[in-house]
Each structure stands twice: as structure tokens, then as C-alpha cells.
Protein backbone atom coordinates (compact mmCIF):
# COMPACT_ATOMS: atom_id res chain seq x y z
CA MET A 1 -0.06 -0.03 0.12
CA GLU A 2 1.12 3.64 -0.43
CA HIS A 3 0.19 6.62 1.02
CA ILE A 4 0.45 10.08 0.03
CA VAL A 5 2.53 12.90 2.53
CA THR A 6 0.03 15.87 3.00
CA ASP A 7 1.42 19.40 4.63
CA LYS A 8 2.59 19.33 8.43
CA GLN A 9 2.25 15.14 8.22
CA SER A 10 5.02 13.59 10.50
CA LEU A 11 5.95 9.42 10.47
CA ILE A 12 4.62 9.25 14.01
CA ASP A 13 1.26 10.50 12.42
CA ILE A 14 1.38 7.78 9.49
CA ALA A 15 2.52 5.28 12.02
CA LEU A 16 -0.74 5.78 13.80
CA MET A 17 -3.33 5.92 10.91
CA TYR A 18 -1.77 2.91 9.33
CA TYR A 19 -0.47 1.15 12.44
CA GLY A 20 -2.30 2.31 15.32
CA ASN A 21 0.79 3.07 17.40
CA ILE A 22 3.90 5.17 17.33
CA ASP A 23 6.08 2.38 17.51
CA ALA A 24 5.48 1.08 13.40
CA VAL A 25 8.28 4.55 13.09
CA PHE A 26 10.76 1.79 12.44
CA ALA A 27 8.78 -0.67 10.53
CA ILE A 28 8.11 2.69 8.24
CA LEU A 29 11.22 4.03 8.29
CA GLN A 30 12.63 -0.11 7.18
CA ASN A 31 10.85 -0.26 4.27
CA ASN A 32 11.34 3.46 3.16
CA SER A 33 15.10 3.43 3.09
CA GLU A 34 14.90 7.15 1.45
CA LEU A 35 13.42 8.65 4.60
CA ASN A 36 14.96 9.01 7.81
CA PHE A 37 13.19 10.44 11.25
CA ASP A 38 15.50 13.85 12.09
CA SER A 39 14.48 14.91 8.15
CA PRO A 40 10.82 16.31 7.68
CA ILE A 41 9.04 14.95 5.17
CA VAL A 42 7.92 16.57 1.62
CA PRO A 43 4.55 16.75 1.01
CA GLY A 44 3.99 14.44 -1.99
CA THR A 45 6.29 11.83 -1.13
CA LYS A 46 5.44 8.34 -1.29
CA ILE A 47 5.96 6.28 1.41
CA LYS A 48 5.14 2.47 1.47
CA VAL A 49 3.12 1.24 4.78
CA GLU A 50 0.71 -1.83 5.24
CA LEU A 51 -2.67 -1.45 7.11
CA ASP A 52 -2.51 -3.70 9.97
CA LYS A 53 -6.23 -4.54 9.94
CA THR A 54 -6.05 -6.29 13.62
CA ASN A 55 -5.49 -2.87 15.53
CA ASP A 56 -8.26 -0.99 16.46
CA PHE A 57 -7.18 2.67 15.94
CA ALA A 58 -6.04 1.51 12.62
CA ARG A 59 -9.42 0.36 11.17
CA TYR A 60 -10.95 3.17 12.79
CA PHE A 61 -8.97 5.43 10.67
CA ASP A 62 -9.02 3.48 7.73
CA LYS A 63 -12.76 3.18 8.33
CA ASN A 64 -13.56 6.85 8.33
CA LYS A 65 -10.99 8.54 5.85
CA ILE A 66 -9.33 10.20 8.73
CA GLU A 67 -6.04 11.69 8.12
CA ILE A 68 -3.50 12.68 10.88
CA SER A 69 -1.76 15.80 11.12
CA THR A 70 -0.49 16.94 13.95
CA GLY A 71 1.27 20.31 12.13
CA ILE A 72 4.48 19.52 13.62
CA ASN A 73 7.66 17.99 11.26
CA GLU A 74 9.83 16.09 13.70
CA PHE A 75 12.86 17.66 14.96
CA THR A 76 13.22 20.57 12.32
CA GLU A 77 10.16 22.38 13.60
CA LEU A 78 10.72 21.57 17.32
CA SER A 79 14.50 22.47 17.04
CA ALA A 80 13.80 25.85 15.35
CA TRP A 81 10.87 26.23 18.31
CA ILE A 82 13.81 25.08 21.41
CA LEU A 83 16.51 27.60 19.66
CA ALA A 84 14.66 30.50 19.09
CA THR A 85 13.04 30.39 22.72
CA ASN A 86 15.95 28.83 24.34
CA TYR A 87 13.66 26.80 26.52
CA TRP A 88 15.54 23.62 26.44
CA ARG A 89 17.30 22.77 29.64
CA ASP A 90 19.59 19.80 30.24
CA HIS A 91 20.87 20.74 33.51
CA GLY A 92 17.98 18.77 35.86
CA ILE A 93 18.03 15.12 37.12
CA TRP A 94 14.57 13.61 36.96
CA LYS A 95 14.20 12.70 40.95
CA ASP A 96 11.52 9.55 40.37
CA THR A 97 9.29 9.12 37.21
CA GLU A 98 6.96 12.05 38.02
CA PHE A 99 8.79 14.57 39.13
CA TRP A 100 12.20 16.71 37.32
CA GLN A 101 14.58 18.97 39.68
CA ASP A 102 16.41 21.74 38.28
């Protein structure tokens, strides 16, 4: 099956649409050697995917013709946002699984 990428659609969006979970990003990358996770996908790019008919979410999205497009293209826009806002701080530590201490 082939998917044509729309504007502002990420690998995570596509994984959710066809496989029902974000873990499928790795399967998509494996089946599409021209893609990599840290580069945006150009709208119009054709990607090989398979519909996971055992996954309720994937079947629902397919049946209702739902296109997921979250509006952020992986690292490119996120990195630009971090650089522009200087928001990323990497000097804190996790106290436990719920609390971050700067």
C-alpha cells in the first residue's frame, strides 16, 4: 500500500494512521530507506505502508477516512522552536518517575 504525505504530516502521524501505534515508525523507516527520522517529509512523498487490520485504531482511521496531520515535522520545527525560545534546559535530573528537578 502507498501513502502520499500531506502538509505537516509526520512519521508518527502516518504510523498512527496505518498501524495504530507510534512504534511502527521504525517499520516505516525500514521499508522506506530514503526516509530518516530527523528530517521532515516533503508533502507529496510516496511512502510504503501496510494497514494493520488487527489494530482497532488503524481500522477506525481507515474506515472513516481520517487523515492525521499534527502540524509538526519531527525534529526540524521542534529544534527551531527550542533554539528560538532557548527553552531546552539539560541540567536537571529526574528525582523519580514523576518529578524533574532543575
